[in-house]
N, C-alpha and C. Protein backbone atom coordinates (compact mmCIF):
# COMPACT_ATOMS: atom_id res chain seq x y z
N MET A 1 107.79 56.16 -80.21
CA MET A 1 107.73 54.76 -80.54
C MET A 1 109.15 54.22 -80.59
N ALA A 2 109.51 53.40 -79.61
CA ALA A 2 110.87 52.88 -79.51
C ALA A 2 110.96 51.50 -80.16
N GLU A 3 112.00 51.29 -80.90
CA GLU A 3 112.25 50.00 -81.54
C GLU A 3 113.25 49.21 -80.72
N ASP A 4 113.07 47.90 -80.66
CA ASP A 4 113.99 47.05 -79.91
C ASP A 4 115.32 46.85 -80.64
N SER A 5 115.27 46.66 -81.92
CA SER A 5 116.50 46.39 -82.66
C SER A 5 117.06 47.69 -83.23
N SER A 6 118.32 47.67 -83.55
CA SER A 6 119.00 48.88 -84.00
C SER A 6 118.55 49.31 -85.39
N CYS A 7 118.15 48.38 -86.23
CA CYS A 7 117.77 48.74 -87.59
C CYS A 7 116.27 48.98 -87.74
N GLY A 8 115.48 48.75 -86.67
CA GLY A 8 114.06 49.04 -86.73
C GLY A 8 113.22 47.95 -87.36
N ILE A 9 113.75 46.74 -87.48
CA ILE A 9 113.02 45.63 -88.07
C ILE A 9 112.68 44.63 -86.98
N ASN A 10 111.48 44.09 -87.03
CA ASN A 10 111.02 43.11 -86.05
C ASN A 10 111.89 41.84 -86.12
N ASP A 11 112.15 41.20 -84.96
CA ASP A 11 113.00 40.00 -84.93
C ASP A 11 112.43 38.86 -85.74
N SER A 12 111.09 38.70 -85.77
CA SER A 12 110.51 37.60 -86.53
C SER A 12 110.74 37.77 -88.02
N VAL A 13 110.81 39.01 -88.48
CA VAL A 13 111.09 39.27 -89.89
C VAL A 13 112.56 38.99 -90.19
N MET A 14 113.42 39.24 -89.22
CA MET A 14 114.85 39.02 -89.41
C MET A 14 115.17 37.54 -89.65
N LYS A 15 114.37 36.63 -89.09
CA LYS A 15 114.62 35.20 -89.22
C LYS A 15 114.18 34.64 -90.56
N MET A 16 113.39 35.37 -91.32
CA MET A 16 112.90 34.92 -92.61
C MET A 16 113.99 35.11 -93.66
N THR A 17 114.03 34.20 -94.61
CA THR A 17 115.01 34.31 -95.69
C THR A 17 114.40 33.76 -96.96
N VAL A 18 114.88 34.24 -98.09
CA VAL A 18 114.44 33.72 -99.37
C VAL A 18 115.46 32.74 -99.94
N SER A 19 116.57 32.59 -99.26
CA SER A 19 117.62 31.70 -99.72
C SER A 19 117.20 30.24 -99.54
N ALA A 20 117.14 29.49 -100.62
CA ALA A 20 116.75 28.08 -100.54
C ALA A 20 117.74 27.28 -99.72
N ARG A 21 119.00 27.63 -99.81
CA ARG A 21 120.05 26.94 -99.06
C ARG A 21 119.81 27.07 -97.56
N LYS A 22 119.48 28.27 -97.10
CA LYS A 22 119.24 28.50 -95.67
C LYS A 22 117.94 27.85 -95.22
N GLN A 23 116.93 27.84 -96.07
CA GLN A 23 115.66 27.20 -95.72
C GLN A 23 115.84 25.69 -95.56
N ARG A 24 116.59 25.06 -96.46
CA ARG A 24 116.86 23.62 -96.34
C ARG A 24 117.66 23.31 -95.09
N LYS A 25 118.62 24.17 -94.77
CA LYS A 25 119.42 23.96 -93.56
C LYS A 25 118.54 24.02 -92.31
N ARG A 26 117.64 24.99 -92.23
CA ARG A 26 116.74 25.09 -91.08
C ARG A 26 115.80 23.90 -91.00
N LEU A 27 115.37 23.39 -92.14
CA LEU A 27 114.48 22.23 -92.17
C LEU A 27 115.17 20.99 -91.61
N HIS A 28 116.43 20.80 -91.92
CA HIS A 28 117.14 19.58 -91.53
C HIS A 28 117.87 19.68 -90.19
N THR A 29 118.00 20.88 -89.64
CA THR A 29 118.72 21.01 -88.38
C THR A 29 117.83 21.38 -87.20
N ARG A 30 116.54 21.46 -87.40
CA ARG A 30 115.68 21.83 -86.27
C ARG A 30 115.42 20.65 -85.35
N ASP A 31 114.91 20.95 -84.16
CA ASP A 31 114.66 19.91 -83.17
C ASP A 31 113.40 19.12 -83.51
N SER A 32 113.25 17.97 -82.86
CA SER A 32 112.16 17.06 -83.19
C SER A 32 110.80 17.63 -82.79
N THR A 33 110.75 18.45 -81.76
CA THR A 33 109.47 19.02 -81.33
C THR A 33 108.90 19.95 -82.40
N SER A 34 109.71 20.84 -82.93
CA SER A 34 109.22 21.75 -83.96
C SER A 34 108.94 21.00 -85.26
N SER A 35 109.68 19.92 -85.53
CA SER A 35 109.40 19.11 -86.71
C SER A 35 108.04 18.45 -86.59
N ARG A 36 107.72 17.92 -85.39
CA ARG A 36 106.44 17.26 -85.19
C ARG A 36 105.29 18.25 -85.29
N LYS A 37 105.48 19.44 -84.73
CA LYS A 37 104.43 20.44 -84.77
C LYS A 37 104.20 20.97 -86.18
N SER A 38 105.22 20.91 -87.01
CA SER A 38 105.05 21.40 -88.38
C SER A 38 104.40 20.36 -89.28
N MET A 39 104.31 19.11 -88.81
CA MET A 39 103.68 18.05 -89.60
C MET A 39 102.17 18.04 -89.35
N VAL A 40 101.50 19.11 -89.74
CA VAL A 40 100.06 19.20 -89.61
C VAL A 40 99.42 18.87 -90.95
N ILE A 41 98.32 18.13 -90.90
CA ILE A 41 97.64 17.74 -92.13
C ILE A 41 96.16 18.06 -91.99
N PRO A 42 95.46 18.23 -93.11
CA PRO A 42 94.05 18.60 -93.04
C PRO A 42 93.18 17.49 -92.47
N LEU A 43 92.08 17.92 -91.85
CA LEU A 43 91.09 16.99 -91.33
C LEU A 43 89.99 16.78 -92.36
N SER A 44 89.28 15.68 -92.26
CA SER A 44 88.14 15.43 -93.13
C SER A 44 87.04 16.45 -92.81
N PRO A 45 86.11 16.68 -93.73
CA PRO A 45 85.05 17.67 -93.48
C PRO A 45 84.23 17.38 -92.21
N GLU A 46 84.00 16.11 -91.89
CA GLU A 46 83.25 15.77 -90.68
C GLU A 46 84.02 16.17 -89.42
N LEU A 47 85.34 15.90 -89.42
CA LEU A 47 86.17 16.26 -88.27
C LEU A 47 86.33 17.77 -88.14
N ARG A 48 86.34 18.48 -89.27
CA ARG A 48 86.42 19.94 -89.23
C ARG A 48 85.21 20.52 -88.50
N LYS A 49 84.02 20.01 -88.83
CA LYS A 49 82.80 20.50 -88.17
C LYS A 49 82.80 20.13 -86.69
N GLN A 50 83.26 18.92 -86.38
CA GLN A 50 83.24 18.43 -85.01
C GLN A 50 84.19 19.19 -84.10
N HIS A 51 85.42 19.45 -84.57
CA HIS A 51 86.44 20.06 -83.72
C HIS A 51 86.64 21.55 -83.96
N GLY A 52 86.16 22.07 -85.08
CA GLY A 52 86.28 23.50 -85.35
C GLY A 52 87.65 23.94 -85.81
N VAL A 53 88.47 23.03 -86.31
CA VAL A 53 89.79 23.38 -86.85
C VAL A 53 89.96 22.71 -88.21
N ARG A 54 90.84 23.25 -89.03
CA ARG A 54 91.07 22.71 -90.37
C ARG A 54 92.19 21.67 -90.39
N LYS A 55 93.22 21.87 -89.56
CA LYS A 55 94.38 20.98 -89.59
C LYS A 55 94.75 20.57 -88.17
N ALA A 56 95.45 19.43 -88.08
CA ALA A 56 95.91 18.94 -86.77
C ALA A 56 97.23 18.21 -86.97
N PRO A 57 98.09 18.19 -85.92
CA PRO A 57 99.33 17.42 -86.02
C PRO A 57 99.04 15.93 -86.15
N LEU A 58 99.83 15.27 -86.95
CA LEU A 58 99.66 13.84 -87.21
C LEU A 58 100.23 13.04 -86.06
N ARG A 59 99.52 11.98 -85.64
CA ARG A 59 99.97 11.13 -84.55
C ARG A 59 99.79 9.67 -84.92
N LYS A 60 100.55 8.83 -84.23
CA LYS A 60 100.43 7.39 -84.40
C LYS A 60 99.05 6.97 -83.93
N GLY A 61 98.38 6.12 -84.70
CA GLY A 61 97.05 5.66 -84.35
C GLY A 61 95.95 6.35 -85.13
N ASP A 62 96.23 7.50 -85.75
CA ASP A 62 95.24 8.17 -86.58
C ASP A 62 94.96 7.34 -87.83
N THR A 63 93.74 7.41 -88.32
CA THR A 63 93.40 6.79 -89.59
C THR A 63 93.44 7.88 -90.65
N VAL A 64 94.19 7.63 -91.72
CA VAL A 64 94.38 8.64 -92.76
C VAL A 64 94.02 8.07 -94.12
N THR A 65 93.74 8.98 -95.05
CA THR A 65 93.51 8.63 -96.44
C THR A 65 94.59 9.29 -97.28
N VAL A 66 95.15 8.56 -98.23
CA VAL A 66 96.16 9.12 -99.13
C VAL A 66 95.43 9.90 -100.21
N MET A 67 95.69 11.19 -100.29
CA MET A 67 95.01 12.06 -101.24
C MET A 67 95.80 12.25 -102.53
N ARG A 68 97.13 12.23 -102.45
CA ARG A 68 97.97 12.44 -103.62
C ARG A 68 99.07 11.40 -103.62
N GLY A 69 99.60 11.14 -104.79
CA GLY A 69 100.68 10.17 -104.91
C GLY A 69 100.43 9.23 -106.08
N ASP A 70 101.11 8.09 -106.05
CA ASP A 70 100.96 7.10 -107.11
C ASP A 70 99.53 6.57 -107.16
N LYS A 71 99.12 6.11 -108.34
CA LYS A 71 97.76 5.60 -108.50
C LYS A 71 97.51 4.36 -107.64
N GLU A 72 98.58 3.60 -107.33
CA GLU A 72 98.41 2.39 -106.53
C GLU A 72 98.00 2.72 -105.09
N ILE A 73 98.45 3.85 -104.57
CA ILE A 73 98.18 4.17 -103.17
C ILE A 73 97.15 5.29 -103.00
N ARG A 74 96.81 6.00 -104.05
CA ARG A 74 95.87 7.10 -103.93
C ARG A 74 94.49 6.57 -103.54
N GLY A 75 93.91 7.16 -102.52
CA GLY A 75 92.59 6.74 -102.05
C GLY A 75 92.61 5.65 -101.01
N VAL A 76 93.79 5.10 -100.70
CA VAL A 76 93.90 4.03 -99.71
C VAL A 76 93.77 4.64 -98.32
N GLU A 77 93.00 3.95 -97.47
CA GLU A 77 92.82 4.40 -96.10
C GLU A 77 93.46 3.39 -95.17
N GLY A 78 94.18 3.87 -94.18
CA GLY A 78 94.85 2.98 -93.25
C GLY A 78 95.24 3.70 -91.98
N LYS A 79 95.68 2.92 -91.00
CA LYS A 79 96.06 3.43 -89.69
C LYS A 79 97.55 3.75 -89.70
N VAL A 80 97.92 4.87 -89.10
CA VAL A 80 99.33 5.29 -89.03
C VAL A 80 100.04 4.41 -88.02
N SER A 81 101.10 3.75 -88.47
CA SER A 81 101.86 2.88 -87.57
C SER A 81 103.16 3.53 -87.11
N LYS A 82 103.67 4.51 -87.88
CA LYS A 82 104.92 5.16 -87.50
C LYS A 82 104.97 6.55 -88.13
N VAL A 83 105.43 7.53 -87.35
CA VAL A 83 105.64 8.89 -87.84
C VAL A 83 107.11 9.21 -87.68
N ASP A 84 107.79 9.44 -88.80
CA ASP A 84 109.22 9.75 -88.78
C ASP A 84 109.38 11.26 -88.99
N THR A 85 109.70 11.98 -87.90
CA THR A 85 109.83 13.44 -88.00
C THR A 85 111.11 13.86 -88.70
N ARG A 86 112.12 13.01 -88.70
CA ARG A 86 113.39 13.35 -89.34
C ARG A 86 113.21 13.44 -90.86
N SER A 87 112.61 12.42 -91.46
CA SER A 87 112.41 12.42 -92.91
C SER A 87 111.05 12.97 -93.32
N ARG A 88 110.19 13.30 -92.31
CA ARG A 88 108.85 13.85 -92.53
C ARG A 88 107.98 12.88 -93.32
N LYS A 89 108.14 11.57 -93.06
CA LYS A 89 107.35 10.55 -93.74
C LYS A 89 106.59 9.71 -92.73
N VAL A 90 105.54 9.06 -93.22
CA VAL A 90 104.62 8.30 -92.38
C VAL A 90 104.50 6.89 -92.94
N THR A 91 104.46 5.90 -92.04
CA THR A 91 104.22 4.52 -92.45
C THR A 91 102.78 4.18 -92.10
N ILE A 92 102.05 3.65 -93.08
CA ILE A 92 100.63 3.35 -92.93
C ILE A 92 100.42 1.85 -93.11
N ASP A 93 99.59 1.27 -92.23
CA ASP A 93 99.26 -0.15 -92.36
C ASP A 93 98.53 -0.38 -93.68
N GLY A 94 98.93 -1.39 -94.41
CA GLY A 94 98.28 -1.73 -95.66
C GLY A 94 98.96 -1.17 -96.90
N ILE A 95 99.91 -0.28 -96.74
CA ILE A 95 100.64 0.26 -97.89
C ILE A 95 102.05 -0.31 -97.85
N THR A 96 102.34 -1.20 -98.80
CA THR A 96 103.65 -1.86 -98.84
C THR A 96 104.23 -1.74 -100.24
N ILE A 97 105.51 -2.11 -100.33
CA ILE A 97 106.21 -2.12 -101.61
C ILE A 97 107.02 -3.40 -101.67
N ALA A 98 107.11 -4.00 -102.85
CA ALA A 98 107.86 -5.25 -103.01
C ALA A 98 109.35 -4.96 -103.09
N LYS A 99 110.11 -5.72 -102.30
CA LYS A 99 111.56 -5.60 -102.35
C LYS A 99 112.10 -6.51 -103.45
N ALA A 100 113.40 -6.43 -103.72
CA ALA A 100 114.00 -7.19 -104.81
C ALA A 100 113.92 -8.69 -104.56
N ASP A 101 113.94 -9.12 -103.29
CA ASP A 101 113.89 -10.55 -103.00
C ASP A 101 112.46 -11.08 -102.92
N GLY A 102 111.47 -10.22 -103.19
CA GLY A 102 110.08 -10.65 -103.20
C GLY A 102 109.32 -10.36 -101.91
N LYS A 103 110.00 -9.98 -100.86
CA LYS A 103 109.34 -9.68 -99.59
C LYS A 103 108.65 -8.33 -99.67
N GLN A 104 107.63 -8.17 -98.84
CA GLN A 104 106.92 -6.90 -98.77
C GLN A 104 107.49 -6.06 -97.63
N SER A 105 107.65 -4.78 -97.88
CA SER A 105 108.18 -3.85 -96.89
C SER A 105 107.24 -2.66 -96.79
N ALA A 106 107.20 -2.02 -95.63
CA ALA A 106 106.35 -0.84 -95.44
C ALA A 106 106.83 0.28 -96.35
N ARG A 107 105.89 0.96 -96.98
CA ARG A 107 106.22 2.04 -97.90
C ARG A 107 105.97 3.38 -97.21
N PRO A 108 107.00 4.21 -97.01
CA PRO A 108 106.78 5.51 -96.39
C PRO A 108 106.09 6.48 -97.35
N VAL A 109 105.19 7.30 -96.79
CA VAL A 109 104.44 8.28 -97.57
C VAL A 109 104.71 9.66 -96.97
N PHE A 110 104.91 10.65 -97.81
CA PHE A 110 105.16 12.00 -97.31
C PHE A 110 103.90 12.54 -96.66
N PHE A 111 104.04 13.23 -95.53
CA PHE A 111 102.91 13.60 -94.70
C PHE A 111 101.92 14.54 -95.39
N SER A 112 102.38 15.39 -96.30
CA SER A 112 101.49 16.37 -96.93
C SER A 112 100.53 15.74 -97.93
N ASN A 113 100.69 14.46 -98.24
CA ASN A 113 99.80 13.78 -99.17
C ASN A 113 98.63 13.12 -98.48
N LEU A 114 98.45 13.36 -97.19
CA LEU A 114 97.46 12.65 -96.40
C LEU A 114 96.35 13.56 -95.89
N MET A 115 95.23 12.93 -95.45
CA MET A 115 94.14 13.64 -94.78
C MET A 115 93.65 12.75 -93.64
N ILE A 116 93.48 13.32 -92.45
CA ILE A 116 93.00 12.56 -91.30
C ILE A 116 91.50 12.33 -91.43
N THR A 117 91.08 11.06 -91.34
CA THR A 117 89.66 10.73 -91.39
C THR A 117 89.12 10.32 -90.03
N VAL A 118 89.94 9.65 -89.20
CA VAL A 118 89.56 9.28 -87.84
C VAL A 118 90.74 9.59 -86.93
N MET A 119 90.49 10.35 -85.88
CA MET A 119 91.56 10.73 -84.97
C MET A 119 91.67 9.72 -83.83
N ALA A 120 92.89 9.40 -83.45
CA ALA A 120 93.13 8.49 -82.33
C ALA A 120 92.68 9.16 -81.04
N GLN A 121 92.11 8.37 -80.13
CA GLN A 121 91.67 8.91 -78.84
C GLN A 121 92.90 9.21 -77.99
N ASP A 122 93.10 10.48 -77.69
CA ASP A 122 94.25 10.90 -76.90
C ASP A 122 93.81 12.05 -75.99
N PRO A 123 93.94 11.89 -74.67
CA PRO A 123 93.51 12.97 -73.77
C PRO A 123 94.33 14.25 -73.92
N LYS A 124 95.55 14.15 -74.40
CA LYS A 124 96.39 15.33 -74.58
C LYS A 124 95.98 16.15 -75.80
N ARG A 125 95.28 15.54 -76.73
CA ARG A 125 94.87 16.23 -77.95
C ARG A 125 93.51 16.87 -77.70
N ASN A 126 93.52 18.17 -77.52
CA ASN A 126 92.27 18.89 -77.33
C ASN A 126 92.27 20.14 -78.18
N PHE A 127 91.08 20.55 -78.56
CA PHE A 127 90.93 21.72 -79.41
C PHE A 127 90.09 22.74 -78.66
N LYS A 128 90.47 23.99 -78.76
CA LYS A 128 89.72 25.05 -78.10
C LYS A 128 88.50 25.37 -78.95
N LYS A 129 87.35 25.35 -78.33
CA LYS A 129 86.11 25.71 -79.01
C LYS A 129 85.90 27.21 -78.89
N GLU A 130 85.64 27.85 -80.02
CA GLU A 130 85.38 29.29 -80.01
C GLU A 130 83.88 29.51 -79.99
N GLY A 131 83.49 30.55 -79.30
CA GLY A 131 82.08 30.94 -79.30
C GLY A 131 81.37 30.31 -78.22
């Protein structure tokens, strides 16, 4: 049994670290493609049965429900208008915050607080059916 590395440890294990400093650095310095792919959120129970998967990457045009957060926005359902992979936040139609001058501005919501209820029609988004 020959090992590829000199110390006998798999390369994927070598990339893992428990250092919070290194984990934060990797989070903020990675490319936009891997950031987008890591922004997966759970599907509603109906979509889980329909597509056979539990989570899917978030896209513009999806309808989402806010599951966690402030009481003002919890339970609100709206369409995703913008996905910011750099800050890992999402802008949803209908969720705003008042600015100091009285104007309303879009309120960003962290992606992990959401659940997809209706998926946008996209030919590139397909799920493999098992069985």
